[in-house]
N, C-alpha and C. Protein backbone atom coordinates (compact mmCIF):
# COMPACT_ATOMS: atom_id res chain seq x y z
N MET A 1 0.82 -1.18 0.00
CA MET A 1 0.00 0.00 0.00
C MET A 1 0.87 1.25 0.00
N ALA A 2 1.91 1.25 0.81
CA ALA A 2 2.79 2.41 0.86
C ALA A 2 3.44 2.65 -0.50
N GLY A 3 3.79 1.58 -1.20
CA GLY A 3 4.37 1.72 -2.52
C GLY A 3 3.42 2.36 -3.51
N GLU A 4 2.16 1.99 -3.43
CA GLU A 4 1.13 2.57 -4.30
C GLU A 4 0.95 4.05 -4.02
N ILE A 5 0.90 4.40 -2.75
CA ILE A 5 0.77 5.82 -2.38
C ILE A 5 1.99 6.59 -2.87
N GLY A 6 3.18 6.03 -2.69
CA GLY A 6 4.40 6.68 -3.15
C GLY A 6 4.42 6.86 -4.66
N ALA A 7 3.91 5.88 -5.40
CA ALA A 7 3.88 5.99 -6.85
C ALA A 7 2.92 7.09 -7.30
N ARG A 8 1.83 7.24 -6.60
CA ARG A 8 0.83 8.25 -6.98
C ARG A 8 1.18 9.64 -6.47
N HIS A 9 1.98 9.71 -5.42
CA HIS A 9 2.31 10.99 -4.79
C HIS A 9 3.82 11.06 -4.53
N PRO A 10 4.61 11.26 -5.59
CA PRO A 10 6.06 11.26 -5.39
C PRO A 10 6.55 12.35 -4.44
N ASP A 11 5.80 13.44 -4.31
CA ASP A 11 6.19 14.49 -3.37
C ASP A 11 6.13 13.98 -1.94
N VAL A 12 5.21 13.09 -1.66
CA VAL A 12 5.09 12.50 -0.33
C VAL A 12 6.12 11.39 -0.15
N ALA A 13 6.37 10.63 -1.22
CA ALA A 13 7.31 9.51 -1.15
C ALA A 13 8.72 9.98 -0.79
N GLY A 14 9.06 11.20 -1.16
CA GLY A 14 10.40 11.70 -0.90
C GLY A 14 10.60 12.30 0.48
N LEU A 15 9.57 12.29 1.30
CA LEU A 15 9.67 12.89 2.64
C LEU A 15 10.36 11.95 3.62
N SER A 16 11.06 12.52 4.57
CA SER A 16 11.58 11.71 5.67
C SER A 16 10.40 11.36 6.58
N LEU A 17 10.62 10.42 7.48
CA LEU A 17 9.55 10.05 8.41
C LEU A 17 9.11 11.23 9.27
N ALA A 18 10.07 12.04 9.70
CA ALA A 18 9.74 13.21 10.52
C ALA A 18 8.92 14.21 9.72
N GLU A 19 9.29 14.42 8.45
CA GLU A 19 8.54 15.35 7.59
C GLU A 19 7.13 14.81 7.31
N LEU A 20 7.04 13.51 7.06
CA LEU A 20 5.73 12.89 6.81
C LEU A 20 4.83 13.04 8.03
N HIS A 21 5.38 12.80 9.20
CA HIS A 21 4.60 12.93 10.43
C HIS A 21 4.09 14.36 10.60
N GLU A 22 4.95 15.33 10.33
CA GLU A 22 4.53 16.73 10.44
C GLU A 22 3.42 17.05 9.45
N ARG A 23 3.55 16.56 8.23
CA ARG A 23 2.50 16.77 7.23
C ARG A 23 1.18 16.14 7.68
N GLN A 24 1.26 14.93 8.23
CA GLN A 24 0.05 14.26 8.71
C GLN A 24 -0.62 15.08 9.81
N ARG A 25 0.18 15.66 10.68
CA ARG A 25 -0.38 16.52 11.74
C ARG A 25 -1.09 17.71 11.11
N GLU A 26 -0.46 18.33 10.12
CA GLU A 26 -1.06 19.49 9.45
C GLU A 26 -2.36 19.10 8.73
N TRP A 27 -2.34 17.97 8.03
CA TRP A 27 -3.53 17.51 7.31
C TRP A 27 -4.67 17.21 8.27
N ALA A 28 -4.36 16.54 9.38
CA ALA A 28 -5.39 16.21 10.37
C ALA A 28 -5.99 17.48 10.97
N LEU A 29 -5.15 18.45 11.28
CA LEU A 29 -5.63 19.70 11.85
C LEU A 29 -6.50 20.45 10.83
N GLY A 30 -6.07 20.49 9.59
CA GLY A 30 -6.86 21.15 8.55
C GLY A 30 -8.20 20.49 8.34
N PHE A 31 -8.23 19.15 8.33
CA PHE A 31 -9.49 18.43 8.19
C PHE A 31 -10.40 18.74 9.37
N ALA A 32 -9.85 18.71 10.58
CA ALA A 32 -10.66 18.95 11.77
C ALA A 32 -11.25 20.36 11.76
N ARG A 33 -10.46 21.34 11.38
CA ARG A 33 -10.96 22.71 11.32
C ARG A 33 -12.09 22.83 10.30
N SER A 34 -11.89 22.23 9.15
CA SER A 34 -12.90 22.28 8.09
C SER A 34 -14.18 21.58 8.54
N ARG A 35 -14.03 20.42 9.15
CA ARG A 35 -15.20 19.66 9.63
C ARG A 35 -15.93 20.45 10.72
N GLN A 36 -15.17 21.06 11.64
CA GLN A 36 -15.78 21.84 12.71
C GLN A 36 -16.56 23.02 12.14
N GLU A 37 -15.96 23.72 11.18
CA GLU A 37 -16.64 24.85 10.55
C GLU A 37 -17.93 24.40 9.87
N TRP A 38 -17.88 23.26 9.19
CA TRP A 38 -19.07 22.73 8.52
C TRP A 38 -20.16 22.40 9.55
N LEU A 39 -19.78 21.72 10.61
CA LEU A 39 -20.76 21.37 11.65
C LEU A 39 -21.37 22.62 12.26
N ASP A 40 -20.52 23.60 12.58
CA ASP A 40 -21.01 24.83 13.20
C ASP A 40 -21.99 25.56 12.27
N ARG A 41 -21.70 25.52 10.98
CA ARG A 41 -22.53 26.23 10.00
C ARG A 41 -23.83 25.49 9.70
N THR A 42 -23.77 24.17 9.62
CA THR A 42 -24.94 23.42 9.17
C THR A 42 -25.77 22.80 10.28
N LYS A 43 -25.21 22.68 11.46
CA LYS A 43 -25.92 22.04 12.58
C LYS A 43 -25.74 22.85 13.86
N PRO A 44 -26.31 24.04 13.90
CA PRO A 44 -26.16 24.88 15.10
C PRO A 44 -26.56 24.12 16.37
N GLY A 45 -25.76 24.31 17.41
CA GLY A 45 -26.05 23.67 18.69
C GLY A 45 -25.71 22.20 18.75
N HIS A 46 -24.92 21.71 17.82
CA HIS A 46 -24.61 20.27 17.74
C HIS A 46 -23.82 19.76 18.94
N GLY A 47 -22.98 20.59 19.54
CA GLY A 47 -22.23 20.19 20.73
C GLY A 47 -21.02 19.31 20.47
N THR A 48 -20.67 19.10 19.22
CA THR A 48 -19.53 18.26 18.88
C THR A 48 -18.27 19.11 18.74
N VAL A 49 -17.16 18.59 19.28
CA VAL A 49 -15.87 19.23 19.09
C VAL A 49 -15.01 18.24 18.32
N VAL A 50 -14.58 18.63 17.13
CA VAL A 50 -13.76 17.77 16.30
C VAL A 50 -12.29 17.92 16.71
N ASP A 51 -11.68 16.82 17.10
CA ASP A 51 -10.30 16.83 17.58
C ASP A 51 -9.36 16.65 16.40
N GLY A 52 -8.45 17.59 16.19
CA GLY A 52 -7.52 17.52 15.10
C GLY A 52 -6.16 16.97 15.48
N ALA A 53 -6.05 16.39 16.66
CA ALA A 53 -4.77 15.87 17.12
C ALA A 53 -4.35 14.66 16.31
N TRP A 54 -3.08 14.57 16.07
CA TRP A 54 -2.51 13.41 15.38
C TRP A 54 -1.48 12.81 16.31
N PRO A 55 -1.49 11.48 16.43
CA PRO A 55 -0.58 10.83 17.39
C PRO A 55 0.88 11.09 17.12
């Protein structure tokens, strides 16, 4: 699977593990922010907090 991802995304394949981890953190945070904004806009009073933390 990793080989397939690397073939499709050579910019990601060339990253070190530390760089990949940092990118994953950024992607997770961006997704969480976007999801939270969508929930806040479309479901007022929903009470959900989307956690963007990455291990």
